[in-house]
Structures are given as C-alpha cells and as structure tokens.
N, C-alpha and C. Protein backbone atom coordinates (compact mmCIF):
# COMPACT_ATOMS: atom_id res chain seq x y z
N MET A 1 0.57 -1.34 -0.15
CA MET A 1 -0.22 -0.04 -0.20
C MET A 1 0.85 1.32 0.15
N ASN A 2 0.48 2.20 -0.61
CA ASN A 2 1.49 3.63 -1.14
C ASN A 2 0.28 4.42 -0.26
N PHE A 3 0.80 4.96 0.78
CA PHE A 3 0.22 5.57 2.00
C PHE A 3 0.43 7.46 1.46
N ASP A 4 1.40 7.42 0.57
CA ASP A 4 2.00 8.68 0.17
C ASP A 4 0.91 9.04 -0.86
N SER A 5 0.33 8.26 -1.55
CA SER A 5 -0.74 8.80 -2.45
C SER A 5 -2.20 8.84 -1.88
N LEU A 6 -2.14 8.42 -0.83
CA LEU A 6 -3.61 9.03 0.16
C LEU A 6 -3.31 10.28 0.65
N LYS A 7 -2.42 10.52 0.84
CA LYS A 7 -2.48 11.73 1.75
C LYS A 7 -2.75 13.12 1.20
N PRO A 8 -2.71 13.18 -0.12
CA PRO A 8 -3.69 14.45 -0.58
C PRO A 8 -5.11 14.16 -0.10
N LYS A 9 -5.70 12.87 -0.61
CA LYS A 9 -7.07 12.45 -0.41
C LYS A 9 -7.26 12.86 0.76
N VAL A 10 -6.46 12.63 1.54
CA VAL A 10 -7.25 12.72 3.41
C VAL A 10 -7.33 14.02 3.50
N LYS A 11 -6.28 15.21 3.02
CA LYS A 11 -6.50 16.33 3.06
C LYS A 11 -7.48 16.90 2.25
N ASP A 12 -7.85 16.41 1.09
CA ASP A 12 -9.02 16.92 0.48
C ASP A 12 -10.40 16.58 1.16
N ALA A 13 -10.56 15.36 1.89
CA ALA A 13 -11.82 14.84 2.67
C ALA A 13 -11.69 15.82 3.59
N LEU A 14 -10.92 16.14 4.44
CA LEU A 14 -11.02 17.03 5.45
C LEU A 14 -11.16 18.64 5.23
N SER A 15 -10.89 19.04 3.88
CA SER A 15 -11.27 20.36 3.60
C SER A 15 -12.25 20.70 2.85
N GLN A 16 -13.65 20.03 2.79
CA GLN A 16 -14.82 19.92 2.17
C GLN A 16 -15.43 21.18 2.78
N GLY A 17 -15.45 22.31 2.16
CA GLY A 17 -15.97 23.69 2.44
C GLY A 17 -17.06 23.60 3.24
N ASN A 18 -18.82 23.22 3.10
CA ASN A 18 -19.70 23.30 3.67
C ASN A 18 -19.87 22.02 4.48
N ALA A 19 -19.22 21.32 4.43
CA ALA A 19 -19.29 19.91 5.44
C ALA A 19 -18.87 20.55 6.59
N SER A 20 -20.01 19.48 7.47
CA SER A 20 -19.37 19.68 9.14
C SER A 20 -18.58 18.29 9.48
N ARG A 21 -17.92 18.64 10.76
CA ARG A 21 -16.73 17.91 11.07
C ARG A 21 -17.06 16.88 11.02
N GLU A 22 -18.33 16.33 11.66
CA GLU A 22 -18.96 15.14 11.50
C GLU A 22 -18.91 14.60 10.18
N GLU A 23 -19.29 15.02 9.12
CA GLU A 23 -19.21 14.72 7.70
C GLU A 23 -18.17 14.48 7.40
N LYS A 24 -17.29 15.42 7.69
CA LYS A 24 -15.60 15.56 6.79
C LYS A 24 -15.13 14.12 7.60
N LEU A 25 -15.45 13.91 8.72
CA LEU A 25 -14.88 12.62 9.47
C LEU A 25 -15.31 10.90 8.93
N LYS A 26 -16.44 11.16 8.48
CA LYS A 26 -17.26 9.88 8.22
C LYS A 26 -16.70 9.67 6.78
N HIS A 27 -16.42 11.12 5.59
CA HIS A 27 -16.28 10.59 4.33
C HIS A 27 -14.74 9.99 4.56
N LEU A 28 -13.94 10.77 5.46
CA LEU A 28 -12.56 10.32 5.85
C LEU A 28 -12.80 8.66 6.01
N CYS A 29 -13.39 8.12 6.73
CA CYS A 29 -13.53 6.97 7.39
C CYS A 29 -13.39 6.09 6.01
N GLN A 30 -14.74 6.62 5.37
CA GLN A 30 -15.08 5.95 3.92
C GLN A 30 -13.78 5.89 2.90
N LEU A 31 -12.98 7.11 2.52
CA LEU A 31 -12.00 7.09 2.09
C LEU A 31 -10.73 5.81 2.67
N LEU A 32 -10.79 5.84 3.81
CA LEU A 32 -9.37 4.71 4.20
C LEU A 32 -10.18 3.57 3.97
N GLN A 33 -11.35 3.14 4.17
CA GLN A 33 -11.93 1.66 4.19
C GLN A 33 -11.69 1.49 2.41
N ASP A 34 -12.52 2.45 1.52
CA ASP A 34 -12.32 2.07 0.27
C ASP A 34 -10.79 1.89 -0.22
N ASN A 35 -9.87 2.58 0.16
CA ASN A 35 -8.41 2.64 -0.20
C ASN A 35 -7.51 1.47 0.03
N VAL A 36 -8.13 1.00 1.63
CA VAL A 36 -6.63 0.13 2.15
C VAL A 36 -7.70 -0.92 2.14
N PHE A 37 -7.44 -2.33 1.42
CA PHE A 37 -8.00 -3.31 1.20
C PHE A 37 -8.33 -4.15 2.54
N TYR A 38 -7.46 -3.92 3.95
CA TYR A 38 -7.23 -4.58 4.84
C TYR A 38 -8.08 -3.61 6.18
N TYR A 39 -8.63 -3.00 5.85
CA TYR A 39 -9.28 -1.84 6.64
C TYR A 39 -10.89 -2.11 6.71
N ASN A 40 -11.26 -2.76 7.31
CA ASN A 40 -12.56 -3.21 7.40
C ASN A 40 -13.67 -2.48 8.00
N TRP A 41 -13.05 -1.92 9.16
CA TRP A 41 -14.32 -1.12 10.03
C TRP A 41 -13.08 0.14 10.45
N VAL A 42 -13.51 1.12 10.07
CA VAL A 42 -12.65 2.71 10.14
C VAL A 42 -13.56 3.59 10.88
N GLY A 43 -13.41 3.73 12.26
CA GLY A 43 -14.03 5.02 13.00
C GLY A 43 -13.29 5.60 14.32
N PHE A 44 -14.14 6.52 14.55
CA PHE A 44 -13.27 7.66 15.42
C PHE A 44 -14.25 7.51 17.13
N TYR A 45 -13.06 7.34 18.18
CA TYR A 45 -13.88 7.21 19.25
C TYR A 45 -13.34 8.90 19.60
N PHE A 46 -14.17 9.40 20.37
CA PHE A 46 -13.76 10.77 21.33
C PHE A 46 -14.08 10.63 23.06
N ALA A 47 -12.85 11.44 23.35
CA ALA A 47 -12.79 10.98 25.10
C ALA A 47 -13.79 12.21 25.76
N ASN A 48 -14.53 11.40 26.89
CA ASN A 48 -15.07 12.50 27.74
C ASN A 48 -14.37 12.02 29.36
N HIS A 49 -13.20 13.12 29.32
CA HIS A 49 -12.45 12.87 30.46
C HIS A 49 -12.68 13.01 31.77
N GLU A 50 -13.77 13.60 31.88
CA GLU A 50 -14.65 13.55 33.04
C GLU A 50 -15.48 12.47 33.56
N ASN A 51 -15.67 12.04 32.39
CA ASN A 51 -16.25 10.48 32.95
C ASN A 51 -15.42 9.01 32.57
N GLN A 52 -14.35 9.71 32.03
CA GLN A 52 -13.62 8.61 32.01
C GLN A 52 -14.10 7.47 31.01
N THR A 53 -14.40 7.96 29.94
CA THR A 53 -15.08 7.17 29.01
C THR A 53 -14.88 7.71 27.46
N LEU A 54 -15.11 6.83 26.50
CA LEU A 54 -14.86 7.02 24.67
C LEU A 54 -16.09 6.98 24.12
N HIS A 55 -16.79 7.86 23.11
CA HIS A 55 -17.92 7.73 22.71
C HIS A 55 -17.42 7.81 21.28
N LEU A 56 -18.57 6.87 20.73
CA LEU A 56 -18.16 6.43 19.29
C LEU A 56 -18.75 7.62 18.62
N GLY A 57 -17.85 7.87 17.62
CA GLY A 57 -17.81 9.03 16.64
C GLY A 57 -18.29 8.72 15.33
N PRO A 58 -17.79 9.22 14.02
CA PRO A 58 -18.25 8.75 12.67
C PRO A 58 -17.43 7.22 12.49
N TYR A 59 -18.07 6.80 11.94
CA TYR A 59 -17.35 5.39 11.54
C TYR A 59 -18.17 5.10 10.50
N VAL A 60 -17.38 3.56 9.43
CA VAL A 60 -17.93 3.15 8.46
C VAL A 60 -17.35 1.82 8.73
N GLY A 61 -18.47 0.71 8.25
CA GLY A 61 -17.98 -0.67 8.62
C GLY A 61 -19.53 -1.34 9.46
N ALA A 62 -19.21 -2.55 9.77
CA ALA A 62 -20.32 -3.04 10.24
C ALA A 62 -20.99 -2.23 11.78
N GLU A 63 -22.30 -2.62 11.83
CA GLU A 63 -22.83 -2.06 13.21
C GLU A 63 -22.22 -2.18 14.66
N THR A 64 -22.00 -1.62 15.24
CA THR A 64 -21.41 -1.94 16.48
C THR A 64 -21.99 -1.56 17.71
N ASP A 65 -21.92 -2.20 18.98
CA ASP A 65 -23.04 -2.19 20.24
C ASP A 65 -22.08 -1.39 20.89
N HIS A 66 -20.78 -0.83 20.96
CA HIS A 66 -19.67 -0.54 21.57
C HIS A 66 -19.39 0.81 21.67
N THR A 67 -20.84 1.80 21.94
CA THR A 67 -20.78 3.27 21.69
C THR A 67 -20.23 4.02 22.60
N VAL A 68 -19.79 3.31 23.82
CA VAL A 68 -19.32 3.78 25.09
C VAL A 68 -18.22 2.76 25.47
N ILE A 69 -17.40 3.47 25.60
CA ILE A 69 -15.98 2.42 26.33
C ILE A 69 -15.41 3.08 27.44
N PRO A 70 -15.43 2.39 28.47
CA PRO A 70 -14.83 3.09 29.58
C PRO A 70 -13.09 3.27 29.32
N PHE A 71 -12.64 4.00 29.87
CA PHE A 71 -10.81 4.07 29.84
C PHE A 71 -10.41 2.85 30.61
N GLY A 72 -9.27 2.28 29.64
CA GLY A 72 -8.71 0.99 30.46
C GLY A 72 -9.29 -0.19 29.72
N LYS A 73 -10.40 -0.27 29.31
CA LYS A 73 -11.32 -1.55 28.76
C LYS A 73 -11.20 -1.68 27.36
N GLY A 74 -10.47 -2.91 27.07
CA GLY A 74 -10.41 -3.09 25.61
C GLY A 74 -9.07 -2.34 24.69
N ILE A 75 -9.04 -2.37 23.72
CA ILE A 75 -7.85 -1.73 23.08
C ILE A 75 -8.20 -0.16 22.86
N CYS A 76 -8.93 0.18 22.46
CA CYS A 76 -9.44 1.58 22.53
C CYS A 76 -9.17 2.27 24.17
N GLY A 77 -10.00 1.57 24.93
CA GLY A 77 -10.05 2.00 26.45
C GLY A 77 -8.34 2.16 26.81
N GLN A 78 -7.77 1.26 26.59
CA GLN A 78 -6.18 1.00 26.88
C GLN A 78 -5.18 2.30 26.34
N VAL A 79 -5.64 2.58 25.15
CA VAL A 79 -4.98 3.97 24.02
C VAL A 79 -5.18 5.08 24.90
N ALA A 80 -6.84 5.04 25.58
CA ALA A 80 -7.26 6.61 25.95
C ALA A 80 -6.26 6.73 27.44
N VAL A 81 -5.87 5.86 27.76
CA VAL A 81 -4.69 5.70 29.01
C VAL A 81 -3.46 5.69 28.45
N SER A 82 -2.79 5.15 28.01
CA SER A 82 -1.74 5.16 27.33
C SER A 82 -1.09 6.19 26.56
N ASN A 83 -1.68 7.13 26.08
CA ASN A 83 -1.55 7.66 24.78
C ASN A 83 -0.28 7.23 23.87
N GLU A 84 -0.86 6.19 23.73
CA GLU A 84 0.39 5.20 22.34
C GLU A 84 -0.44 4.74 21.78
N ASN A 85 0.06 4.45 20.34
CA ASN A 85 -0.62 3.79 19.38
C ASN A 85 -0.75 2.21 20.06
N PHE A 86 -1.52 1.27 19.72
CA PHE A 86 -1.51 0.18 19.94
C PHE A 86 -1.89 -0.99 18.57
N VAL A 87 -1.29 -1.63 18.53
CA VAL A 87 -1.20 -2.49 17.10
C VAL A 87 -1.80 -3.88 17.85
N VAL A 88 -2.78 -4.56 17.41
CA VAL A 88 -3.11 -6.04 18.01
C VAL A 88 -3.07 -6.78 16.54
N PRO A 89 -2.08 -7.58 16.39
CA PRO A 89 -1.85 -8.40 15.16
C PRO A 89 -2.96 -9.74 14.97
N ASP A 90 -3.45 -10.20 16.10
CA ASP A 90 -4.33 -11.17 16.26
C ASP A 90 -5.29 -10.97 17.76
N VAL A 91 -6.43 -10.23 17.42
CA VAL A 91 -7.34 -10.25 18.61
C VAL A 91 -7.39 -11.27 19.50
N ALA A 92 -7.66 -12.52 18.94
CA ALA A 92 -7.58 -13.39 19.78
C ALA A 92 -6.70 -13.86 21.08
N ALA A 93 -5.48 -13.23 20.59
CA ALA A 93 -4.63 -13.49 21.50
C ALA A 93 -4.54 -12.34 22.70
N GLN A 94 -5.48 -11.69 22.63
CA GLN A 94 -5.62 -10.07 23.49
C GLN A 94 -6.60 -10.71 24.66
N ASP A 95 -5.74 -10.40 25.72
CA ASP A 95 -6.71 -10.78 27.22
C ASP A 95 -7.54 -9.71 27.26
N ASN A 96 -7.27 -8.49 27.36
CA ASN A 96 -8.20 -7.23 27.23
C ASN A 96 -8.86 -6.93 25.96
N TYR A 97 -9.49 -7.42 25.43
CA TYR A 97 -9.91 -7.45 24.19
C TYR A 97 -11.42 -7.19 23.98
N ILE A 98 -12.21 -6.32 23.61
CA ILE A 98 -13.33 -6.42 23.59
C ILE A 98 -14.14 -6.91 21.92
N ALA A 99 -14.61 -8.16 22.00
CA ALA A 99 -15.11 -8.58 20.56
C ALA A 99 -16.37 -7.82 20.26
N CYS A 100 -15.85 -7.49 18.47
CA CYS A 100 -17.25 -6.68 18.05
C CYS A 100 -17.85 -7.70 17.27
N SER A 101 -16.94 -8.49 16.55
CA SER A 101 -17.61 -9.57 15.71
C SER A 101 -16.73 -10.59 15.32
N PHE A 102 -17.14 -11.59 15.08
CA PHE A 102 -16.15 -12.78 14.74
C PHE A 102 -15.44 -12.72 13.88
N THR A 103 -15.66 -11.95 12.80
CA THR A 103 -14.90 -11.44 11.20
C THR A 103 -13.68 -10.76 11.54
N VAL A 104 -13.33 -10.10 12.89
CA VAL A 104 -12.40 -8.88 13.19
C VAL A 104 -11.46 -9.80 13.70
N LYS A 105 -10.02 -9.87 13.22
CA LYS A 105 -9.01 -10.99 13.48
C LYS A 105 -7.68 -10.00 13.99
N SER A 106 -7.64 -8.42 13.81
CA SER A 106 -6.27 -7.61 14.17
C SER A 106 -7.24 -6.19 14.47
N GLU A 107 -6.49 -5.45 15.19
CA GLU A 107 -6.95 -4.05 15.17
C GLU A 107 -5.69 -3.31 15.15
N ILE A 108 -6.12 -1.89 14.70
CA ILE A 108 -4.86 -0.92 15.15
C ILE A 108 -5.80 0.60 15.79
N VAL A 109 -5.21 0.99 16.81
CA VAL A 109 -5.66 2.01 17.34
C VAL A 109 -4.35 3.05 17.68
N VAL A 110 -4.89 4.24 16.82
CA VAL A 110 -3.83 5.48 17.08
C VAL A 110 -4.49 6.90 17.65
N PRO A 111 -3.93 7.36 19.10
CA PRO A 111 -4.24 8.16 19.60
C PRO A 111 -4.50 9.42 18.75
N LEU A 112 -5.50 10.49 18.97
CA LEU A 112 -5.68 11.85 18.52
C LEU A 112 -5.49 12.58 19.36
N PHE A 113 -4.50 13.54 19.28
CA PHE A 113 -3.82 14.99 19.91
C PHE A 113 -4.01 16.16 19.70
N VAL A 114 -5.06 17.29 20.46
CA VAL A 114 -5.32 18.66 20.01
C VAL A 114 -4.23 19.03 21.03
N ASN A 115 -3.50 20.11 20.61
CA ASN A 115 -2.65 20.91 21.42
C ASN A 115 -2.10 19.84 22.90
N GLY A 116 -1.87 18.81 22.53
CA GLY A 116 -1.00 18.06 23.65
C GLY A 116 -1.89 17.00 24.27
N LYS A 117 -3.42 17.12 23.94
CA LYS A 117 -4.25 16.90 24.93
C LYS A 117 -4.76 15.52 24.15
N ASN A 118 -5.06 14.20 24.28
CA ASN A 118 -5.56 13.12 23.99
C ASN A 118 -7.04 12.93 24.09
N ILE A 119 -7.69 13.50 22.58
CA ILE A 119 -9.17 13.76 22.40
C ILE A 119 -9.87 12.93 21.98
N GLY A 120 -9.14 11.80 21.56
CA GLY A 120 -10.03 10.10 21.35
C GLY A 120 -8.85 9.46 19.97
N GLN A 121 -9.26 8.72 19.19
CA GLN A 121 -8.59 8.28 18.64
C GLN A 121 -9.12 7.37 17.41
N ILE A 122 -8.46 6.81 16.19
CA ILE A 122 -8.99 6.43 15.13
C ILE A 122 -9.13 4.91 15.57
N ASP A 123 -9.83 3.94 15.30
CA ASP A 123 -9.87 2.91 15.59
C ASP A 123 -10.40 1.93 14.11
N ILE A 124 -9.39 1.02 14.09
CA ILE A 124 -9.53 0.24 12.41
C ILE A 124 -9.58 -1.11 12.69
N ASP A 125 -10.38 -1.95 12.57
CA ASP A 125 -10.34 -3.66 12.60
C ASP A 125 -10.43 -3.82 11.17
N SER A 126 -9.47 -5.48 11.30
CA SER A 126 -9.28 -5.89 9.70
C SER A 126 -9.66 -7.45 9.93
N HIS A 127 -10.05 -7.66 8.75
CA HIS A 127 -10.57 -9.25 8.70
C HIS A 127 -9.43 -9.99 8.41
N VAL A 128 -8.14 -9.37 8.10
CA VAL A 128 -6.97 -10.21 8.22
C VAL A 128 -6.14 -10.27 9.69
N LEU A 129 -5.53 -11.65 9.53
CA LEU A 129 -4.42 -11.26 10.42
C LEU A 129 -3.08 -10.70 10.24
N ASN A 130 -2.90 -9.75 11.19
CA ASN A 130 -1.38 -9.04 11.23
C ASN A 130 -1.14 -8.44 9.74
N PRO A 131 -1.84 -7.83 9.74
CA PRO A 131 -1.64 -6.73 8.16
C PRO A 131 -1.30 -5.34 8.44
N PHE A 132 -1.21 -5.03 9.87
CA PHE A 132 -0.80 -3.75 10.25
C PHE A 132 0.96 -3.63 10.36
N SER A 133 1.32 -2.72 9.52
CA SER A 133 2.86 -2.34 9.84
C SER A 133 3.18 -0.94 10.31
N GLU A 134 4.39 -0.66 10.69
CA GLU A 134 4.60 0.69 10.98
C GLU A 134 4.34 1.85 9.98
N ALA A 135 4.31 1.32 8.69
CA ALA A 135 3.84 2.46 7.73
C ALA A 135 2.62 2.50 7.97
N ASP A 136 1.81 1.58 8.64
CA ASP A 136 0.32 2.16 9.16
C ASP A 136 -0.23 2.97 9.97
N GLU A 137 0.61 2.70 11.00
CA GLU A 137 0.95 3.75 12.31
C GLU A 137 1.37 4.97 11.71
N ARG A 138 2.32 5.48 10.90
CA ARG A 138 2.95 6.57 10.36
C ARG A 138 1.65 7.16 9.42
N PHE A 139 1.36 6.30 8.89
CA PHE A 139 -0.02 6.97 8.34
C PHE A 139 -1.13 7.74 8.76
N LEU A 140 -1.43 6.63 9.90
CA LEU A 140 -2.64 7.07 10.44
C LEU A 140 -2.21 8.01 11.43
N GLU A 141 -0.92 8.34 11.82
CA GLU A 141 -0.33 9.38 12.78
C GLU A 141 -0.97 10.65 11.88
N PHE A 142 -0.52 10.37 10.84
CA PHE A 142 -0.46 11.98 9.74
C PHE A 142 -1.82 12.30 9.74
N VAL A 143 -2.76 10.90 9.35
CA VAL A 143 -4.21 11.42 9.42
C VAL A 143 -4.54 12.03 10.77
N ASN A 144 -4.43 11.69 11.85
CA ASN A 144 -4.80 12.40 12.90
C ASN A 144 -4.55 13.77 13.24
N GLU A 145 -2.90 13.96 12.71
CA GLU A 145 -2.79 15.22 12.68
C GLU A 145 -3.38 16.36 11.58
N GLU A 146 -3.72 15.94 10.66
CA GLU A 146 -4.79 16.43 9.73
C GLU A 146 -5.96 16.52 10.34
N VAL A 147 -6.71 15.78 11.27
CA VAL A 147 -7.85 15.44 11.64
C VAL A 147 -7.87 16.49 12.86
N ALA A 148 -6.67 16.58 13.81
CA ALA A 148 -6.78 17.32 14.68
C ALA A 148 -6.75 18.88 14.37
N LYS A 149 -6.41 19.28 13.28
CA LYS A 149 -6.59 20.87 12.33
C LYS A 149 -8.26 21.05 12.46
N LEU A 150 -9.09 20.22 12.36
CA LEU A 150 -10.57 20.50 12.56
C LEU A 150 -10.76 20.87 14.06
N PHE A 151 -10.11 20.21 14.95
CA PHE A 151 -10.72 20.92 16.08
C PHE A 151 -9.91 22.15 16.91
N LEU A 152 -9.37 22.72 15.63
CA LEU A 152 -8.69 24.11 16.16
C LEU A 152 -8.97 25.40 15.46
N LYS A 153 -9.95 25.07 14.69
CA LYS A 153 -10.70 26.01 13.92
C LYS A 153 -12.32 26.63 14.97
C-alpha cells in the first residue's frame, strides 16, 4: 500500500468547504476503507475525560454495540490511558479485547491529540491477521494530525 498517494486525498476529504466536522470525518473513514483493502471497519472514538469514557463518533463498517467504552477497557480504552499507538496482530491473543465481530482478526488504534491532549482516537479493525505495519502507524499518525486541525478552528 502506497500511503503517500492517499495523503492528498485525506487532506481533500477534511477540507470540504460546507461539510460539518462529522461529515468530513465520515467521508475520511469511507476514503480509508475504500482505499486500504484490509481496513474493514474505520471509526473515531472521542474522549469524555470527566466520565473517563470514549464515545463512538463517525465510522464506516459493520454496526457496533460499543458506543461507549470505559477508559482502560479493550484496546481503545487502553489507548485512552496510555496515549500510545496499539497494534494488535491477532485479537484472539489479547486478554483485554472487546469482541465486536467474529470476523475481526486484528486491530490498530492511534490516539488523536489536539494541543497535546488526547481527545480521542482512530480505530481500525481488519478481517486479516497481522496486516498492520509501521507504515500504517505513521500514516494514521498523519491522518490524526490532519484531523486535529478540524478541532482548532
């Protein structure tokens, strides 16, 4: 996967003039799912630091019951606490994993920072075992840097 060719499309998706922030994020999720064959569920969770919970934002992929996740629970909840990327090559090998679907084999979660504060994360599930590389991490960090600009306006 050549992520460099996707970077301008990410910027375009996030700069749609009259679209709301939510519409831009949904469009971005669709762009990523359409262009990376092993990105089977792409979505954002946003932090409520007061309640120590994550709340589902825009996403594309299968419906999920996990609309609110406590900090520390599951992969997403662990990233809310650690502030670090979390790549799970095989979800079946994870003790603290919240199963979304039997089709999910692996997951990557990258925190979203605005002015140094973790406000949420991008979460991607794959139906493929161990597809995520360091290139995915760097690309998704780029994506989140671009997304963060939406929260500075």
